[in-house]
Amino acid sequence: MAYSFQELKGKTIQELRDIAKDVKHEAVQGYSQLNKEHLLPLLCRALGVDTHGHYHVEGIDKAAIKATIRDLKKKRDTAVAAHDHDALKSVRRQIHRLNRQIRAHVAP
């Protein structure tokens, strides 16, 4: 059975040890004496599971939004240097909205 990192992370130490018992890989040797913190990455390596969840953005052009954010950060820096609080607030709100837009379109 194929596992994801989140599935394995949600299992108890005993369930992880039961899985490790069936895996024939040198990474999980001595699994019965390992705690969950140590067994989980070794089990992921033995099963070929990526230990980081990769997310991707769907429905929007993330690269264009990130370029816009970089430009806005330059404007923010100039507003800070000029002590222009109104412009600073406006730019910060725009950056916030764009970041929220990216987060809203993230899919696992």
N, C-alpha and C. Protein backbone atom coordinates (compact mmCIF):
# COMPACT_ATOMS: atom_id res chain seq x y z
N MET A 1 0.84 -1.18 0.00
CA MET A 1 0.00 0.00 0.00
C MET A 1 0.88 1.25 0.00
N ALA A 2 0.51 2.21 -0.81
CA ALA A 2 1.27 3.46 -0.90
C ALA A 2 0.78 4.43 0.17
N TYR A 3 1.71 5.05 0.87
CA TYR A 3 1.38 5.98 1.94
C TYR A 3 1.86 7.37 1.57
N SER A 4 1.19 8.35 2.13
CA SER A 4 1.68 9.73 2.02
C SER A 4 2.31 10.09 3.37
N PHE A 5 3.06 11.17 3.37
CA PHE A 5 3.70 11.60 4.61
C PHE A 5 2.66 11.94 5.67
N GLN A 6 1.58 12.60 5.27
CA GLN A 6 0.55 12.98 6.23
C GLN A 6 -0.14 11.75 6.83
N GLU A 7 -0.36 10.72 6.02
CA GLU A 7 -0.96 9.49 6.55
C GLU A 7 -0.04 8.85 7.58
N LEU A 8 1.25 8.76 7.24
CA LEU A 8 2.20 8.16 8.17
C LEU A 8 2.34 8.98 9.44
N LYS A 9 2.33 10.29 9.31
CA LYS A 9 2.48 11.16 10.46
C LYS A 9 1.28 11.02 11.42
N GLY A 10 0.12 10.70 10.88
CA GLY A 10 -1.08 10.55 11.70
C GLY A 10 -1.18 9.21 12.40
N LYS A 11 -0.32 8.28 12.06
CA LYS A 11 -0.37 6.95 12.67
C LYS A 11 0.37 6.94 14.01
N THR A 12 0.00 5.98 14.84
CA THR A 12 0.66 5.81 16.13
C THR A 12 1.99 5.12 15.92
N ILE A 13 2.82 5.12 16.94
CA ILE A 13 4.12 4.48 16.85
C ILE A 13 3.97 2.98 16.62
N GLN A 14 2.96 2.38 17.21
CA GLN A 14 2.76 0.94 17.02
C GLN A 14 2.36 0.63 15.58
N GLU A 15 1.53 1.47 15.00
CA GLU A 15 1.15 1.27 13.60
C GLU A 15 2.35 1.46 12.68
N LEU A 16 3.21 2.42 12.99
CA LEU A 16 4.41 2.62 12.19
C LEU A 16 5.35 1.43 12.32
N ARG A 17 5.45 0.88 13.49
CA ARG A 17 6.31 -0.30 13.69
C ARG A 17 5.76 -1.50 12.94
N ASP A 18 4.43 -1.64 12.87
CA ASP A 18 3.83 -2.73 12.11
C ASP A 18 4.13 -2.58 10.62
N ILE A 19 4.11 -1.35 10.13
CA ILE A 19 4.46 -1.11 8.74
C ILE A 19 5.92 -1.41 8.50
N ALA A 20 6.78 -0.96 9.42
CA ALA A 20 8.22 -1.17 9.28
C ALA A 20 8.58 -2.65 9.33
N LYS A 21 7.79 -3.44 10.04
CA LYS A 21 8.04 -4.87 10.15
C LYS A 21 7.97 -5.54 8.77
N ASP A 22 7.08 -5.06 7.92
CA ASP A 22 6.89 -5.65 6.60
C ASP A 22 7.84 -5.10 5.55
N VAL A 23 8.55 -4.02 5.88
CA VAL A 23 9.45 -3.39 4.92
C VAL A 23 10.84 -4.00 5.07
N LYS A 24 11.39 -4.44 3.95
CA LYS A 24 12.74 -5.00 3.95
C LYS A 24 13.70 -3.94 3.40
N HIS A 25 14.21 -3.11 4.28
CA HIS A 25 15.12 -2.03 3.89
C HIS A 25 16.05 -1.76 5.05
N GLU A 26 17.32 -1.48 4.74
CA GLU A 26 18.29 -1.28 5.82
C GLU A 26 18.01 -0.03 6.64
N ALA A 27 17.22 0.91 6.13
CA ALA A 27 16.93 2.13 6.86
C ALA A 27 16.08 1.87 8.10
N VAL A 28 15.26 0.84 8.05
CA VAL A 28 14.35 0.59 9.18
C VAL A 28 14.81 -0.56 10.07
N GLN A 29 16.06 -0.93 9.97
CA GLN A 29 16.57 -1.95 10.88
C GLN A 29 16.58 -1.39 12.30
N GLY A 30 16.15 -2.17 13.25
CA GLY A 30 16.07 -1.72 14.63
C GLY A 30 14.86 -0.85 14.88
N TYR A 31 13.83 -0.99 14.06
CA TYR A 31 12.63 -0.16 14.16
C TYR A 31 11.92 -0.29 15.50
N SER A 32 12.04 -1.43 16.14
CA SER A 32 11.30 -1.64 17.39
C SER A 32 11.84 -0.79 18.54
N GLN A 33 13.05 -0.27 18.39
CA GLN A 33 13.62 0.54 19.45
C GLN A 33 13.64 2.03 19.13
N LEU A 34 13.06 2.40 18.01
CA LEU A 34 13.03 3.80 17.62
C LEU A 34 11.72 4.45 18.06
N ASN A 35 11.79 5.73 18.38
CA ASN A 35 10.56 6.45 18.67
C ASN A 35 10.01 7.02 17.36
N LYS A 36 8.83 7.60 17.43
CA LYS A 36 8.15 8.07 16.23
C LYS A 36 8.96 9.14 15.50
N GLU A 37 9.57 10.03 16.25
CA GLU A 37 10.35 11.11 15.66
C GLU A 37 11.49 10.58 14.79
N HIS A 38 12.09 9.48 15.18
CA HIS A 38 13.20 8.91 14.41
C HIS A 38 12.73 7.90 13.36
N LEU A 39 11.66 7.17 13.68
CA LEU A 39 11.18 6.13 12.77
C LEU A 39 10.50 6.72 11.53
N LEU A 40 9.78 7.80 11.70
CA LEU A 40 9.01 8.37 10.59
C LEU A 40 9.87 8.74 9.38
N PRO A 41 10.97 9.50 9.54
CA PRO A 41 11.78 9.81 8.34
C PRO A 41 12.45 8.58 7.74
N LEU A 42 12.85 7.62 8.58
CA LEU A 42 13.47 6.41 8.05
C LEU A 42 12.47 5.57 7.26
N LEU A 43 11.26 5.50 7.78
CA LEU A 43 10.21 4.75 7.09
C LEU A 43 9.85 5.43 5.77
N CYS A 44 9.82 6.73 5.77
CA CYS A 44 9.55 7.47 4.53
C CYS A 44 10.65 7.20 3.50
N ARG A 45 11.89 7.18 3.94
CA ARG A 45 12.99 6.89 3.03
C ARG A 45 12.87 5.48 2.47
N ALA A 46 12.53 4.51 3.33
CA ALA A 46 12.43 3.13 2.89
C ALA A 46 11.26 2.93 1.92
N LEU A 47 10.18 3.65 2.12
CA LEU A 47 9.00 3.51 1.26
C LEU A 47 9.04 4.44 0.05
N GLY A 48 10.01 5.34 0.02
CA GLY A 48 10.10 6.28 -1.09
C GLY A 48 9.07 7.39 -1.02
N VAL A 49 8.68 7.76 0.20
CA VAL A 49 7.69 8.81 0.39
C VAL A 49 8.41 10.12 0.63
N ASP A 50 7.97 11.16 -0.04
CA ASP A 50 8.56 12.49 0.14
C ASP A 50 8.14 13.03 1.50
N THR A 51 9.08 13.52 2.27
CA THR A 51 8.77 13.96 3.64
C THR A 51 8.20 15.36 3.71
N HIS A 52 8.14 16.07 2.61
CA HIS A 52 7.57 17.40 2.60
C HIS A 52 6.36 17.41 1.68
N GLY A 53 5.29 18.00 2.14
CA GLY A 53 4.11 18.12 1.30
C GLY A 53 4.33 19.20 0.26
N HIS A 54 4.17 18.85 -0.99
CA HIS A 54 4.34 19.82 -2.07
C HIS A 54 2.98 20.29 -2.51
N TYR A 55 2.82 21.57 -2.52
CA TYR A 55 1.56 22.17 -2.93
C TYR A 55 1.79 22.94 -4.22
N HIS A 56 0.75 23.03 -5.00
CA HIS A 56 0.85 23.82 -6.21
C HIS A 56 -0.37 24.72 -6.32
N VAL A 57 -0.21 25.78 -7.06
CA VAL A 57 -1.26 26.78 -7.20
C VAL A 57 -2.01 26.50 -8.49
N GLU A 58 -3.34 26.49 -8.42
CA GLU A 58 -4.17 26.24 -9.59
C GLU A 58 -5.07 27.43 -9.84
N GLY A 59 -5.24 27.78 -11.11
CA GLY A 59 -6.22 28.78 -11.48
C GLY A 59 -5.70 30.21 -11.58
N ILE A 60 -4.47 30.45 -11.16
CA ILE A 60 -3.92 31.80 -11.26
C ILE A 60 -2.47 31.70 -11.73
N ASP A 61 -1.92 32.82 -12.15
CA ASP A 61 -0.52 32.88 -12.57
C ASP A 61 0.33 33.31 -11.38
N LYS A 62 0.86 32.35 -10.66
CA LYS A 62 1.60 32.63 -9.44
C LYS A 62 2.86 33.45 -9.73
N ALA A 63 3.54 33.17 -10.82
CA ALA A 63 4.77 33.89 -11.14
C ALA A 63 4.50 35.38 -11.35
N ALA A 64 3.40 35.70 -12.02
CA ALA A 64 3.07 37.10 -12.25
C ALA A 64 2.71 37.80 -10.95
N ILE A 65 2.00 37.11 -10.08
CA ILE A 65 1.62 37.69 -8.79
C ILE A 65 2.86 37.92 -7.94
N LYS A 66 3.80 36.96 -7.95
CA LYS A 66 5.03 37.11 -7.18
C LYS A 66 5.86 38.28 -7.71
N ALA A 67 5.87 38.49 -9.03
CA ALA A 67 6.59 39.62 -9.61
C ALA A 67 5.95 40.93 -9.16
N THR A 68 4.63 40.96 -9.11
CA THR A 68 3.92 42.15 -8.64
C THR A 68 4.25 42.42 -7.18
N ILE A 69 4.31 41.37 -6.38
CA ILE A 69 4.65 41.52 -4.96
C ILE A 69 6.06 42.08 -4.81
N ARG A 70 7.00 41.61 -5.62
CA ARG A 70 8.37 42.14 -5.55
C ARG A 70 8.40 43.63 -5.87
N ASP A 71 7.63 44.03 -6.88
CA ASP A 71 7.56 45.47 -7.22
C ASP A 71 6.93 46.27 -6.07
N LEU A 72 5.89 45.71 -5.47
CA LEU A 72 5.23 46.40 -4.36
C LEU A 72 6.15 46.52 -3.15
N LYS A 73 7.00 45.52 -2.95
CA LYS A 73 7.95 45.59 -1.84
C LYS A 73 8.96 46.71 -2.04
N LYS A 74 9.33 46.96 -3.29
CA LYS A 74 10.22 48.09 -3.57
C LYS A 74 9.51 49.40 -3.26
N LYS A 75 8.23 49.49 -3.63
CA LYS A 75 7.44 50.69 -3.33
C LYS A 75 7.29 50.85 -1.82
N ARG A 76 7.13 49.74 -1.14
CA ARG A 76 7.01 49.77 0.32
C ARG A 76 8.28 50.34 0.95
N ASP A 77 9.42 49.89 0.46
CA ASP A 77 10.69 50.38 1.00
C ASP A 77 10.86 51.88 0.78
N THR A 78 10.45 52.36 -0.40
CA THR A 78 10.55 53.80 -0.65
C THR A 78 9.57 54.58 0.22
N ALA A 79 8.39 53.99 0.48
CA ALA A 79 7.41 54.66 1.35
C ALA A 79 7.92 54.73 2.78
N VAL A 80 8.61 53.71 3.22
CA VAL A 80 9.19 53.70 4.57
C VAL A 80 10.27 54.76 4.66
N ALA A 81 11.10 54.83 3.64
CA ALA A 81 12.18 55.82 3.65
C ALA A 81 11.64 57.25 3.60
N ALA A 82 10.51 57.44 2.91
CA ALA A 82 9.93 58.78 2.79
C ALA A 82 8.97 59.11 3.94
N HIS A 83 8.76 58.18 4.84
CA HIS A 83 7.83 58.34 5.96
C HIS A 83 6.41 58.67 5.49
N ASP A 84 6.01 58.04 4.38
CA ASP A 84 4.68 58.23 3.80
C ASP A 84 3.78 57.11 4.31
N HIS A 85 3.09 57.37 5.41
CA HIS A 85 2.30 56.33 6.08
C HIS A 85 1.09 55.89 5.26
N ASP A 86 0.47 56.81 4.54
CA ASP A 86 -0.69 56.45 3.73
C ASP A 86 -0.29 55.52 2.58
N ALA A 87 0.80 55.84 1.90
CA ALA A 87 1.28 54.99 0.81
C ALA A 87 1.73 53.64 1.36
N LEU A 88 2.38 53.66 2.51
CA LEU A 88 2.84 52.43 3.13
C LEU A 88 1.67 51.50 3.44
N LYS A 89 0.62 52.07 4.01
CA LYS A 89 -0.55 51.26 4.35
C LYS A 89 -1.19 50.68 3.09
N SER A 90 -1.28 51.48 2.06
CA SER A 90 -1.88 51.02 0.81
C SER A 90 -1.08 49.88 0.19
N VAL A 91 0.23 50.03 0.15
CA VAL A 91 1.10 49.01 -0.45
C VAL A 91 1.05 47.73 0.38
N ARG A 92 1.08 47.86 1.69
CA ARG A 92 1.03 46.67 2.55
C ARG A 92 -0.28 45.92 2.36
N ARG A 93 -1.38 46.63 2.21
CA ARG A 93 -2.68 45.97 1.98
C ARG A 93 -2.69 45.24 0.64
N GLN A 94 -2.08 45.84 -0.39
CA GLN A 94 -2.02 45.20 -1.69
C GLN A 94 -1.20 43.90 -1.62
N ILE A 95 -0.07 43.96 -0.93
CA ILE A 95 0.76 42.76 -0.76
C ILE A 95 -0.02 41.69 -0.02
N HIS A 96 -0.71 42.09 1.01
CA HIS A 96 -1.50 41.14 1.80
C HIS A 96 -2.57 40.48 0.93
N ARG A 97 -3.28 41.27 0.15
CA ARG A 97 -4.33 40.71 -0.71
C ARG A 97 -3.76 39.72 -1.73
N LEU A 98 -2.63 40.05 -2.30
CA LEU A 98 -2.02 39.15 -3.28
C LEU A 98 -1.55 37.85 -2.63
N ASN A 99 -0.98 37.94 -1.45
CA ASN A 99 -0.57 36.73 -0.73
C ASN A 99 -1.78 35.86 -0.40
N ARG A 100 -2.86 36.49 0.02
CA ARG A 100 -4.08 35.74 0.32
C ARG A 100 -4.66 35.09 -0.94
N GLN A 101 -4.52 35.77 -2.07
CA GLN A 101 -4.99 35.21 -3.33
C GLN A 101 -4.21 33.94 -3.69
N ILE A 102 -2.91 33.98 -3.49
CA ILE A 102 -2.10 32.79 -3.75
C ILE A 102 -2.51 31.65 -2.82
N ARG A 103 -2.64 31.96 -1.53
CA ARG A 103 -3.01 30.92 -0.56
C ARG A 103 -4.38 30.34 -0.84
N ALA A 104 -5.29 31.14 -1.38
CA ALA A 104 -6.65 30.64 -1.67
C ALA A 104 -6.65 29.64 -2.82
N HIS A 105 -5.65 29.69 -3.67
CA HIS A 105 -5.61 28.81 -4.83
C HIS A 105 -4.63 27.64 -4.68
N VAL A 106 -4.13 27.43 -3.48
CA VAL A 106 -3.19 26.32 -3.25
C VAL A 106 -3.97 25.02 -3.19
N ALA A 107 -3.44 24.01 -3.89
CA ALA A 107 -4.04 22.68 -3.88
C ALA A 107 -2.96 21.66 -3.53
N PRO A 108 -3.30 20.68 -2.72
CA PRO A 108 -2.29 19.66 -2.37
C PRO A 108 -1.94 18.75 -3.52
